[in-house]
Amino acid sequence: MTPQDISRYQDLFITVATDIGLKILAAIAFWVIGRWLIHLAVRLVRTSLEHQKVDPTVLRYLGSVITVTLNVLLVVGILGYFGIQTTTFAALIAAAGVAIGMAWSGLLSNFAAGAFLVVLRPIKVGDFVTVAGITGTVTEMGLFTTTVNTMDNIQTVLGNGKIFGDTIQNFTHNPFRRVDLKCQLSGAADHQAAMALLREKIAAIPNVLTEPKVDVEILEFNLVGPVLAVRPYCHNDHYWQVYFDTNRTIKETLDAAGFPAPMPAQNVFVTQSA
């Protein structure tokens, strides 16, 4: 190999390396700038929707969808800059999508369920709910999962498919809810006086609603005596305060009024043979 050939190969190598290096640097620049523009676009969309008082759940969901879509377009654009046919790339994505869809059918069902949860809105961030057997406050709704903080402050992540396919109880949706309690009376007690007194005292508990009125009625009977259904109404935020205050009021009111304590009793008859 002559020195001229070596020099020509060196020049060719330098030219190719320079061209590839410039393309790599340009691709890195495109990626950095593209990512910055994507974050800017998502932030502008969220700000605009927040000014229109759009639900936080919809905001997070739209932000995730926009981010994923723009990132895919950015990658396709960078590959096109390198001369890779985007049509071939699109076909590969479609084929990969079919394979991934078969392998990750559970994730895709969670994604579809998440879309329905956002559109139909049976629950939203901040609601107190029972979903998939878990009771707590919804703190986040994502593309695939929903996060619920339980009453004992445990973060629980649930698949959207499981939520949408099961019974959903939303305690926050209605303006008030009922507290269901029972009160055992003695058979010797004046049940009418006890019922009237409990209605008066429980209605005076803080955060108990005046409408609907407090329900105190005979629910059932047992060997001890009548069992009263005690049912005050309150806003969901005050449920446990009203629950515990009502229990305490039942005990203190009946004791102060001198009602006999409910005691199980049995009559025993002894018969002696002659």
C-alpha atoms as a PDB file:
ATOM      1  CA  MET A   1       0.000   0.000   0.000  1.00  0.00           C
ATOM      2  CA  THR A   2       1.478   3.278  -1.128  1.00  0.00           C
ATOM      3  CA  PRO A   3       1.670   6.387   1.056  1.00  0.00           C
ATOM      4  CA  GLN A   4      -0.918   8.012  -1.234  1.00  0.00           C
ATOM      5  CA  ASP A   5      -3.385   5.197  -0.484  1.00  0.00           C
ATOM      6  CA  ILE A   6      -2.783   5.491   3.246  1.00  0.00           C
ATOM      7  CA  SER A   7      -3.321   9.243   3.081  1.00  0.00           C
ATOM      8  CA  ARG A   8      -6.503   8.778   1.066  1.00  0.00           C
ATOM      9  CA  TYR A   9      -7.879   6.257   3.587  1.00  0.00           C
ATOM     10  CA  GLN A  10      -6.962   8.556   6.441  1.00  0.00           C
ATOM     11  CA  ASP A  11      -8.774  11.441   4.777  1.00  0.00           C
ATOM     12  CA  LEU A  12     -11.804   9.214   4.148  1.00  0.00           C
ATOM     13  CA  PHE A  13     -11.810   7.991   7.752  1.00  0.00           C
ATOM     14  CA  ILE A  14     -11.536  11.533   9.090  1.00  0.00           C
ATOM     15  CA  THR A  15     -14.370  12.662   6.817  1.00  0.00           C
ATOM     16  CA  VAL A  16     -16.657   9.787   7.833  1.00  0.00           C
ATOM     17  CA  ALA A  17     -15.788  10.120  11.516  1.00  0.00           C
ATOM     18  CA  THR A  18     -16.360  13.863  11.394  1.00  0.00           C
ATOM     19  CA  ASP A  19     -19.711  13.392   9.662  1.00  0.00           C
ATOM     20  CA  ILE A  20     -20.822  10.725  12.156  1.00  0.00           C
ATOM     21  CA  GLY A  21     -19.544  12.767  15.102  1.00  0.00           C
ATOM     22  CA  LEU A  22     -21.396  15.864  13.933  1.00  0.00           C
ATOM     23  CA  LYS A  23     -24.574  13.818  13.505  1.00  0.00           C
ATOM     24  CA  ILE A  24     -24.206  12.330  16.996  1.00  0.00           C
ATOM     25  CA  LEU A  25     -23.637  15.763  18.483  1.00  0.00           C
ATOM     26  CA  ALA A  26     -26.614  17.094  16.535  1.00  0.00           C
ATOM     27  CA  ALA A  27     -28.740  14.148  17.745  1.00  0.00           C
ATOM     28  CA  ILE A  28     -27.719  14.838  21.359  1.00  0.00           C
ATOM     29  CA  ALA A  29     -28.555  18.504  20.887  1.00  0.00           C
ATOM     30  CA  PHE A  30     -31.903  17.594  19.317  1.00  0.00           C
ATOM     31  CA  TRP A  31     -32.652  15.256  22.238  1.00  0.00           C
ATOM     32  CA  VAL A  32     -31.759  17.814  24.921  1.00  0.00           C
ATOM     33  CA  ILE A  33     -33.616  20.650  23.195  1.00  0.00           C
ATOM     34  CA  GLY A  34     -36.537  18.366  22.323  1.00  0.00           C
ATOM     35  CA  ARG A  35     -36.892  17.182  25.906  1.00  0.00           C
ATOM     36  CA  TRP A  36     -36.821  20.769  27.133  1.00  0.00           C
ATOM     37  CA  LEU A  37     -39.487  21.744  24.616  1.00  0.00           C
ATOM     38  CA  ILE A  38     -41.628  18.748  25.637  1.00  0.00           C
ATOM     39  CA  HIS A  39     -41.460  19.730  29.305  1.00  0.00           C
ATOM     40  CA  LEU A  40     -42.269  23.315  28.329  1.00  0.00           C
ATOM     41  CA  ALA A  41     -45.263  22.210  26.228  1.00  0.00           C
ATOM     42  CA  VAL A  42     -46.621  19.949  28.977  1.00  0.00           C
ATOM     43  CA  ARG A  43     -46.186  22.708  31.554  1.00  0.00           C
ATOM     44  CA  LEU A  44     -48.000  25.223  29.320  1.00  0.00           C
ATOM     45  CA  VAL A  45     -50.869  22.777  28.721  1.00  0.00           C
ATOM     46  CA  ARG A  46     -51.210  22.054  32.436  1.00  0.00           C
ATOM     47  CA  THR A  47     -51.111  25.754  33.316  1.00  0.00           C
ATOM     48  CA  SER A  48     -53.773  26.503  30.726  1.00  0.00           C
ATOM     49  CA  LEU A  49     -56.011  23.687  31.970  1.00  0.00           C
ATOM     50  CA  GLU A  50     -55.490  24.659  35.611  1.00  0.00           C
ATOM     51  CA  HIS A  51     -56.705  28.176  34.800  1.00  0.00           C
ATOM     52  CA  GLN A  52     -59.829  26.561  33.358  1.00  0.00           C
ATOM     53  CA  LYS A  53     -60.225  24.607  36.633  1.00  0.00           C
ATOM     54  CA  VAL A  54     -59.896  21.205  34.973  1.00  0.00           C
ATOM     55  CA  ASP A  55     -59.979  18.244  37.360  1.00  0.00           C
ATOM     56  CA  PRO A  56     -56.490  17.254  38.712  1.00  0.00           C
ATOM     57  CA  THR A  57     -57.050  13.655  37.581  1.00  0.00           C
ATOM     58  CA  VAL A  58     -57.573  14.757  33.978  1.00  0.00           C
ATOM     59  CA  LEU A  59     -54.517  17.027  34.223  1.00  0.00           C
ATOM     60  CA  ARG A  60     -52.213  14.175  35.250  1.00  0.00           C
ATOM     61  CA  TYR A  61     -53.646  11.822  32.663  1.00  0.00           C
ATOM     62  CA  LEU A  62     -53.331  14.312  29.779  1.00  0.00           C
ATOM     63  CA  GLY A  63     -49.825  15.229  30.910  1.00  0.00           C
ATOM     64  CA  SER A  64     -48.732  11.584  30.770  1.00  0.00           C
ATOM     65  CA  VAL A  65     -50.301  11.016  27.342  1.00  0.00           C
ATOM     66  CA  ILE A  66     -48.757  14.181  25.859  1.00  0.00           C
ATOM     67  CA  THR A  67     -45.319  13.381  27.294  1.00  0.00           C
ATOM     68  CA  VAL A  68     -45.274   9.828  25.926  1.00  0.00           C
ATOM     69  CA  THR A  69     -46.546  10.889  22.484  1.00  0.00           C
ATOM     70  CA  LEU A  70     -44.054  13.752  22.062  1.00  0.00           C
ATOM     71  CA  ASN A  71     -41.152  11.568  23.211  1.00  0.00           C
ATOM     72  CA  VAL A  72     -42.032   8.949  20.587  1.00  0.00           C
ATOM     73  CA  LEU A  73     -42.184  11.644  17.895  1.00  0.00           C
ATOM     74  CA  LEU A  74     -38.829  13.023  19.045  1.00  0.00           C
ATOM     75  CA  VAL A  75     -37.177   9.599  18.785  1.00  0.00           C
ATOM     76  CA  VAL A  76     -38.666   9.059  15.311  1.00  0.00           C
ATOM     77  CA  GLY A  77     -37.400  12.477  14.213  1.00  0.00           C
ATOM     78  CA  ILE A  78     -33.866  11.779  15.468  1.00  0.00           C
ATOM     79  CA  LEU A  79     -33.812   8.398  13.725  1.00  0.00           C
ATOM     80  CA  GLY A  80     -34.998  10.091  10.526  1.00  0.00           C
ATOM     81  CA  TYR A  81     -32.117  12.558  10.824  1.00  0.00           C
ATOM     82  CA  PHE A  82     -29.702   9.620  10.806  1.00  0.00           C
ATOM     83  CA  GLY A  83     -31.310   8.378   7.593  1.00  0.00           C
ATOM     84  CA  ILE A  84     -33.280   5.527   9.101  1.00  0.00           C
ATOM     85  CA  GLN A  85     -36.563   5.054   7.258  1.00  0.00           C
ATOM     86  CA  THR A  86     -39.318   6.052   9.644  1.00  0.00           C
ATOM     87  CA  THR A  87     -41.836   3.951   7.730  1.00  0.00           C
ATOM     88  CA  THR A  88     -39.784   0.873   8.543  1.00  0.00           C
ATOM     89  CA  PHE A  89     -39.518   2.093  12.098  1.00  0.00           C
ATOM     90  CA  ALA A  90     -43.283   2.560  12.273  1.00  0.00           C
ATOM     91  CA  ALA A  91     -43.780  -0.989  10.991  1.00  0.00           C
ATOM     92  CA  LEU A  92     -41.385  -2.245  13.659  1.00  0.00           C
ATOM     93  CA  ILE A  93     -43.299  -0.320  16.306  1.00  0.00           C
ATOM     94  CA  ALA A  94     -46.558  -1.828  15.083  1.00  0.00           C
ATOM     95  CA  ALA A  95     -45.098  -5.348  15.150  1.00  0.00           C
ATOM     96  CA  ALA A  96     -43.577  -4.747  18.558  1.00  0.00           C
ATOM     97  CA  GLY A  97     -46.901  -3.341  19.705  1.00  0.00           C
ATOM     98  CA  VAL A  98     -48.677  -6.551  18.755  1.00  0.00           C
ATOM     99  CA  ALA A  99     -46.093  -8.656  20.576  1.00  0.00           C
ATOM    100  CA  ILE A 100     -46.084  -6.414  23.616  1.00  0.00           C
ATOM    101  CA  GLY A 101     -49.879  -6.308  23.575  1.00  0.00           C
ATOM    102  CA  MET A 102     -50.023 -10.098  23.762  1.00  0.00           C
ATOM    103  CA  ALA A 103     -47.402 -10.241  26.491  1.00  0.00           C
ATOM    104  CA  TRP A 104     -48.674  -7.275  28.469  1.00  0.00           C
ATOM    105  CA  SER A 105     -52.401  -7.648  28.021  1.00  0.00           C
ATOM    106  CA  GLY A 106     -52.856  -6.904  31.711  1.00  0.00           C
ATOM    107  CA  LEU A 107     -51.061  -3.565  31.430  1.00  0.00           C
ATOM    108  CA  LEU A 108     -53.051  -2.624  28.342  1.00  0.00           C
ATOM    109  CA  SER A 109     -56.303  -3.483  30.103  1.00  0.00           C
ATOM    110  CA  ASN A 110     -55.178  -1.240  32.963  1.00  0.00           C
ATOM    111  CA  PHE A 111     -54.462   1.516  30.432  1.00  0.00           C
ATOM    112  CA  ALA A 112     -57.907   1.156  28.843  1.00  0.00           C
ATOM    113  CA  ALA A 113     -59.567   1.080  32.265  1.00  0.00           C
ATOM    114  CA  GLY A 114     -57.641   4.219  33.220  1.00  0.00           C
ATOM    115  CA  ALA A 115     -59.004   5.987  30.149  1.00  0.00           C
ATOM    116  CA  PHE A 116     -62.558   5.015  31.088  1.00  0.00           C
ATOM    117  CA  LEU A 117     -62.007   6.143  34.688  1.00  0.00           C
ATOM    118  CA  VAL A 118     -60.913   9.567  33.439  1.00  0.00           C
ATOM    119  CA  VAL A 119     -63.773   9.893  30.941  1.00  0.00           C
ATOM    120  CA  LEU A 120     -66.599   8.525  33.121  1.00  0.00           C
ATOM    121  CA  ARG A 121     -65.137   9.920  36.362  1.00  0.00           C
ATOM    122  CA  PRO A 122     -66.696   7.591  38.948  1.00  0.00           C
ATOM    123  CA  ILE A 123     -63.840   8.678  41.220  1.00  0.00           C
ATOM    124  CA  LYS A 124     -61.291  11.498  41.238  1.00  0.00           C
ATOM    125  CA  VAL A 125     -58.287  12.625  43.243  1.00  0.00           C
ATOM    126  CA  GLY A 126     -59.316  13.547  46.789  1.00  0.00           C
ATOM    127  CA  ASP A 127     -62.379  11.261  46.930  1.00  0.00           C
ATOM    128  CA  PHE A 128     -62.886   8.881  49.853  1.00  0.00           C
ATOM    129  CA  VAL A 129     -63.748   5.553  48.234  1.00  0.00           C
ATOM    130  CA  THR A 130     -63.873   1.796  48.483  1.00  0.00           C
ATOM    131  CA  VAL A 131     -62.373   0.256  45.329  1.00  0.00           C
ATOM    132  CA  ALA A 132     -61.278  -3.339  44.770  1.00  0.00           C
ATOM    133  CA  GLY A 133     -61.864  -3.995  48.474  1.00  0.00           C
ATOM    134  CA  ILE A 134     -59.618  -1.101  49.606  1.00  0.00           C
ATOM    135  CA  THR A 135     -61.035   1.882  51.510  1.00  0.00           C
ATOM    136  CA  GLY A 136     -59.207   5.193  51.584  1.00  0.00           C
ATOM    137  CA  THR A 137     -58.546   8.530  49.886  1.00  0.00           C
ATOM    138  CA  VAL A 138     -57.526   8.672  46.209  1.00  0.00           C
ATOM    139  CA  THR A 139     -54.206  10.526  45.978  1.00  0.00           C
ATOM    140  CA  GLU A 140     -53.219   9.835  42.369  1.00  0.00           C
ATOM    141  CA  MET A 141     -54.705   8.388  39.182  1.00  0.00           C
ATOM    142  CA  GLY A 142     -52.217   7.361  36.505  1.00  0.00           C
ATOM    143  CA  LEU A 143     -52.240   5.663  33.125  1.00  0.00           C
ATOM    144  CA  PHE A 144     -52.047   2.172  34.605  1.00  0.00           C
ATOM    145  CA  THR A 145     -52.559   2.441  38.363  1.00  0.00           C
ATOM    146  CA  THR A 146     -54.438   4.398  41.015  1.00  0.00           C
ATOM    147  CA  THR A 147     -52.949   5.201  44.420  1.00  0.00           C
ATOM    148  CA  VAL A 148     -55.147   5.117  47.538  1.00  0.00           C
ATOM    149  CA  ASN A 149     -54.112   6.104  51.072  1.00  0.00           C
ATOM    150  CA  THR A 150     -55.975   3.875  53.508  1.00  0.00           C
ATOM    151  CA  MET A 151     -57.416   5.101  56.824  1.00  0.00           C
ATOM    152  CA  ASP A 152     -54.363   3.751  58.689  1.00  0.00           C
ATOM    153  CA  ASN A 153     -52.137   5.812  56.323  1.00  0.00           C
ATOM    154  CA  ILE A 154     -50.858   2.989  54.114  1.00  0.00           C
ATOM    155  CA  GLN A 155     -50.226   3.840  50.479  1.00  0.00           C
ATOM    156  CA  THR A 156     -51.911   1.213  48.298  1.00  0.00           C
ATOM    157  CA  VAL A 157     -51.402   1.031  44.524  1.00  0.00           C
ATOM    158  CA  LEU A 158     -54.198  -0.662  42.547  1.00  0.00           C
ATOM    159  CA  GLY A 159     -54.382  -1.627  38.874  1.00  0.00           C
ATOM    160  CA  ASN A 160     -56.983   0.425  37.022  1.00  0.00           C
ATOM    161  CA  GLY A 161     -58.411  -2.733  35.449  1.00  0.00           C
ATOM    162  CA  LYS A 162     -59.146  -4.200  38.868  1.00  0.00           C
ATOM    163  CA  ILE A 163     -60.823  -0.964  39.981  1.00  0.00           C
ATOM    164  CA  PHE A 164     -62.993  -0.601  36.884  1.00  0.00           C
ATOM    165  CA  GLY A 165     -63.972  -4.281  36.906  1.00  0.00           C
ATOM    166  CA  ASP A 166     -65.080  -4.257  40.548  1.00  0.00           C
ATOM    167  CA  THR A 167     -67.646  -2.396  42.614  1.00  0.00           C
ATOM    168  CA  ILE A 168     -66.817   1.278  43.227  1.00  0.00           C
ATOM    169  CA  GLN A 169     -68.174   3.059  46.301  1.00  0.00           C
ATOM    170  CA  ASN A 170     -67.611   6.814  46.340  1.00  0.00           C
ATOM    171  CA  PHE A 171     -68.425   8.241  49.786  1.00  0.00           C
ATOM    172  CA  THR A 172     -67.515  11.801  48.760  1.00  0.00           C
ATOM    173  CA  HIS A 173     -69.869  12.103  45.795  1.00  0.00           C
ATOM    174  CA  ASN A 174     -73.041  12.806  47.808  1.00  0.00           C
ATOM    175  CA  PRO A 175     -73.266  15.854  50.105  1.00  0.00           C
ATOM    176  CA  PHE A 176     -73.840  13.751  53.256  1.00  0.00           C
ATOM    177  CA  ARG A 177     -73.830  10.199  54.549  1.00  0.00           C
ATOM    178  CA  ARG A 178     -75.478   8.250  57.375  1.00  0.00           C
ATOM    179  CA  VAL A 179     -73.775   6.902  60.485  1.00  0.00           C
ATOM    180  CA  ASP A 180     -75.282   3.520  61.442  1.00  0.00           C
ATOM    181  CA  LEU A 181     -75.121   2.567  65.129  1.00  0.00           C
ATOM    182  CA  LYS A 182     -77.096   0.369  67.519  1.00  0.00           C
ATOM    183  CA  CYS A 183     -78.189   0.884  71.117  1.00  0.00           C
ATOM    184  CA  GLN A 184     -79.241  -1.997  73.359  1.00  0.00           C
ATOM    185  CA  LEU A 185     -81.966  -1.149  75.893  1.00  0.00           C
ATOM    186  CA  SER A 186     -83.113  -3.124  78.877  1.00  0.00           C
ATOM    187  CA  GLY A 187     -86.532  -4.739  78.628  1.00  0.00           C
ATOM    188  CA  ALA A 188     -87.516  -2.746  81.713  1.00  0.00           C
ATOM    189  CA  ALA A 189     -86.558   0.624  80.184  1.00  0.00           C
ATOM    190  CA  ASP A 190     -89.039   3.150  78.831  1.00  0.00           C
ATOM    191  CA  HIS A 191     -88.091   2.908  75.195  1.00  0.00           C
ATOM    192  CA  GLN A 192     -90.184   5.915  74.119  1.00  0.00           C
ATOM    193  CA  ALA A 193     -88.433   8.206  76.613  1.00  0.00           C
ATOM    194  CA  ALA A 194     -85.033   6.791  75.650  1.00  0.00           C
ATOM    195  CA  MET A 195     -85.678   7.360  71.942  1.00  0.00           C
ATOM    196  CA  ALA A 196     -86.853  10.948  72.459  1.00  0.00           C
ATOM    197  CA  LEU A 197     -83.882  11.767  74.708  1.00  0.00           C
ATOM    198  CA  LEU A 198     -81.347  10.277  72.272  1.00  0.00           C
ATOM    199  CA  ARG A 199     -82.814  12.222  69.351  1.00  0.00           C
ATOM    200  CA  GLU A 200     -82.425  15.455  71.297  1.00  0.00           C
ATOM    201  CA  LYS A 201     -78.888  14.830  72.564  1.00  0.00           C
ATOM    202  CA  ILE A 202     -77.470  13.377  69.321  1.00  0.00           C
ATOM    203  CA  ALA A 203     -78.916  16.251  67.261  1.00  0.00           C
ATOM    204  CA  ALA A 204     -76.810  18.600  69.416  1.00  0.00           C
ATOM    205  CA  ILE A 205     -73.515  16.847  68.524  1.00  0.00           C
ATOM    206  CA  PRO A 206     -71.243  19.118  66.430  1.00  0.00           C
ATOM    207  CA  ASN A 207     -71.460  18.529  62.645  1.00  0.00           C
ATOM    208  CA  VAL A 208     -74.626  16.407  62.855  1.00  0.00           C
ATOM    209  CA  LEU A 209     -76.984  17.676  60.145  1.00  0.00           C
ATOM    210  CA  THR A 210     -80.407  19.053  61.015  1.00  0.00           C
ATOM    211  CA  GLU A 211     -81.754  17.701  57.717  1.00  0.00           C
ATOM    212  CA  PRO A 212     -82.194  14.781  57.386  1.00  0.00           C
ATOM    213  CA  LYS A 213     -83.130  14.516  61.041  1.00  0.00           C
ATOM    214  CA  VAL A 214     -81.551  11.992  63.404  1.00  0.00           C
ATOM    215  CA  ASP A 215     -83.250   8.574  63.180  1.00  0.00           C
ATOM    216  CA  VAL A 216     -83.762   6.671  66.445  1.00  0.00           C
ATOM    217  CA  GLU A 217     -86.152   3.749  66.052  1.00  0.00           C
ATOM    218  CA  ILE A 218     -86.576   0.192  67.290  1.00  0.00           C
ATOM    219  CA  LEU A 219     -84.564  -2.053  65.017  1.00  0.00           C
ATOM    220  CA  GLU A 220     -85.111  -5.491  66.551  1.00  0.00           C
ATOM    221  CA  PHE A 221     -85.691  -7.388  69.781  1.00  0.00           C
ATOM    222  CA  ASN A 222     -83.564  -9.906  71.631  1.00  0.00           C
ATOM    223  CA  LEU A 223     -83.631 -11.610  75.033  1.00  0.00           C
ATOM    224  CA  VAL A 224     -82.246  -8.510  76.743  1.00  0.00           C
ATOM    225  CA  GLY A 225     -84.757  -6.050  75.314  1.00  0.00           C
ATOM    226  CA  PRO A 226     -85.292  -3.762  72.306  1.00  0.00           C
ATOM    227  CA  VAL A 227     -82.365  -2.750  70.086  1.00  0.00           C
ATOM    228  CA  LEU A 228     -82.481   0.818  68.775  1.00  0.00           C
ATOM    229  CA  ALA A 229     -81.156   1.929  65.395  1.00  0.00           C
ATOM    230  CA  VAL A 230     -79.345   5.233  65.946  1.00  0.00           C
ATOM    231  CA  ARG A 231     -78.645   7.025  62.656  1.00  0.00           C
ATOM    232  CA  PRO A 232     -77.344  10.610  62.541  1.00  0.00           C
ATOM    233  CA  TYR A 233     -76.344  12.230  59.218  1.00  0.00           C
ATOM    234  CA  CYS A 234     -73.179  14.228  58.551  1.00  0.00           C
ATOM    235  CA  HIS A 235     -70.723  15.316  55.877  1.00  0.00           C
ATOM    236  CA  ASN A 236     -68.160  12.707  54.875  1.00  0.00           C
ATOM    237  CA  ASP A 237     -65.292  14.768  56.378  1.00  0.00           C
ATOM    238  CA  HIS A 238     -66.886  14.513  59.836  1.00  0.00           C
ATOM    239  CA  TYR A 239     -67.949  10.861  59.702  1.00  0.00           C
ATOM    240  CA  TRP A 240     -65.613   9.413  62.335  1.00  0.00           C
ATOM    241  CA  GLN A 241     -65.977  12.394  64.678  1.00  0.00           C
ATOM    242  CA  VAL A 242     -69.776  11.993  64.602  1.00  0.00           C
ATOM    243  CA  TYR A 243     -69.458   8.193  64.885  1.00  0.00           C
ATOM    244  CA  PHE A 244     -67.404   8.287  68.092  1.00  0.00           C
ATOM    245  CA  ASP A 245     -69.266  11.260  69.589  1.00  0.00           C
ATOM    246  CA  THR A 246     -72.596   9.490  69.041  1.00  0.00           C
ATOM    247  CA  ASN A 247     -71.402   6.338  70.791  1.00  0.00           C
ATOM    248  CA  ARG A 248     -70.193   8.390  73.752  1.00  0.00           C
ATOM    249  CA  THR A 249     -73.438  10.401  73.834  1.00  0.00           C
ATOM    250  CA  ILE A 250     -75.550   7.221  73.906  1.00  0.00           C
ATOM    251  CA  LYS A 251     -73.644   5.892  76.917  1.00  0.00           C
ATOM    252  CA  GLU A 252     -73.524   9.163  78.869  1.00  0.00           C
ATOM    253  CA  THR A 253     -77.151  10.142  78.141  1.00  0.00           C
ATOM    254  CA  LEU A 254     -78.722   6.848  79.226  1.00  0.00           C
ATOM    255  CA  ASP A 255     -76.529   6.630  82.330  1.00  0.00           C
ATOM    256  CA  ALA A 256     -77.323  10.212  83.380  1.00  0.00           C
ATOM    257  CA  ALA A 257     -81.067   9.680  82.867  1.00  0.00           C
ATOM    258  CA  GLY A 258     -81.022   6.603  85.104  1.00  0.00           C
ATOM    259  CA  PHE A 259     -82.079   4.023  82.531  1.00  0.00           C
ATOM    260  CA  PRO A 260     -81.421   0.452  83.723  1.00  0.00           C
ATOM    261  CA  ALA A 261     -78.383  -1.195  82.257  1.00  0.00           C
ATOM    262  CA  PRO A 262     -79.218  -3.936  79.752  1.00  0.00           C
ATOM    263  CA  MET A 263     -78.428  -7.261  81.393  1.00  0.00           C
ATOM    264  CA  PRO A 264     -79.025 -10.710  79.927  1.00  0.00           C
ATOM    265  CA  ALA A 265     -81.390 -12.617  82.206  1.00  0.00           C
ATOM    266  CA  GLN A 266     -82.811 -16.106  82.341  1.00  0.00           C
ATOM    267  CA  ASN A 267     -85.617 -17.525  84.428  1.00  0.00           C
ATOM    268  CA  VAL A 268     -84.831 -20.877  86.017  1.00  0.00           C
ATOM    269  CA  PHE A 269     -87.693 -23.000  87.272  1.00  0.00           C
ATOM    270  CA  VAL A 270     -86.889 -25.824  89.702  1.00  0.00           C
ATOM    271  CA  THR A 271     -89.499 -28.508  90.062  1.00  0.00           C
ATOM    272  CA  GLN A 272     -89.226 -31.042  92.858  1.00  0.00           C
ATOM    273  CA  SER A 273     -90.871 -34.384  92.694  1.00  0.00           C
ATOM    274  CA  ALA A 274     -93.363 -35.232  95.412  1.00  0.00           C
END
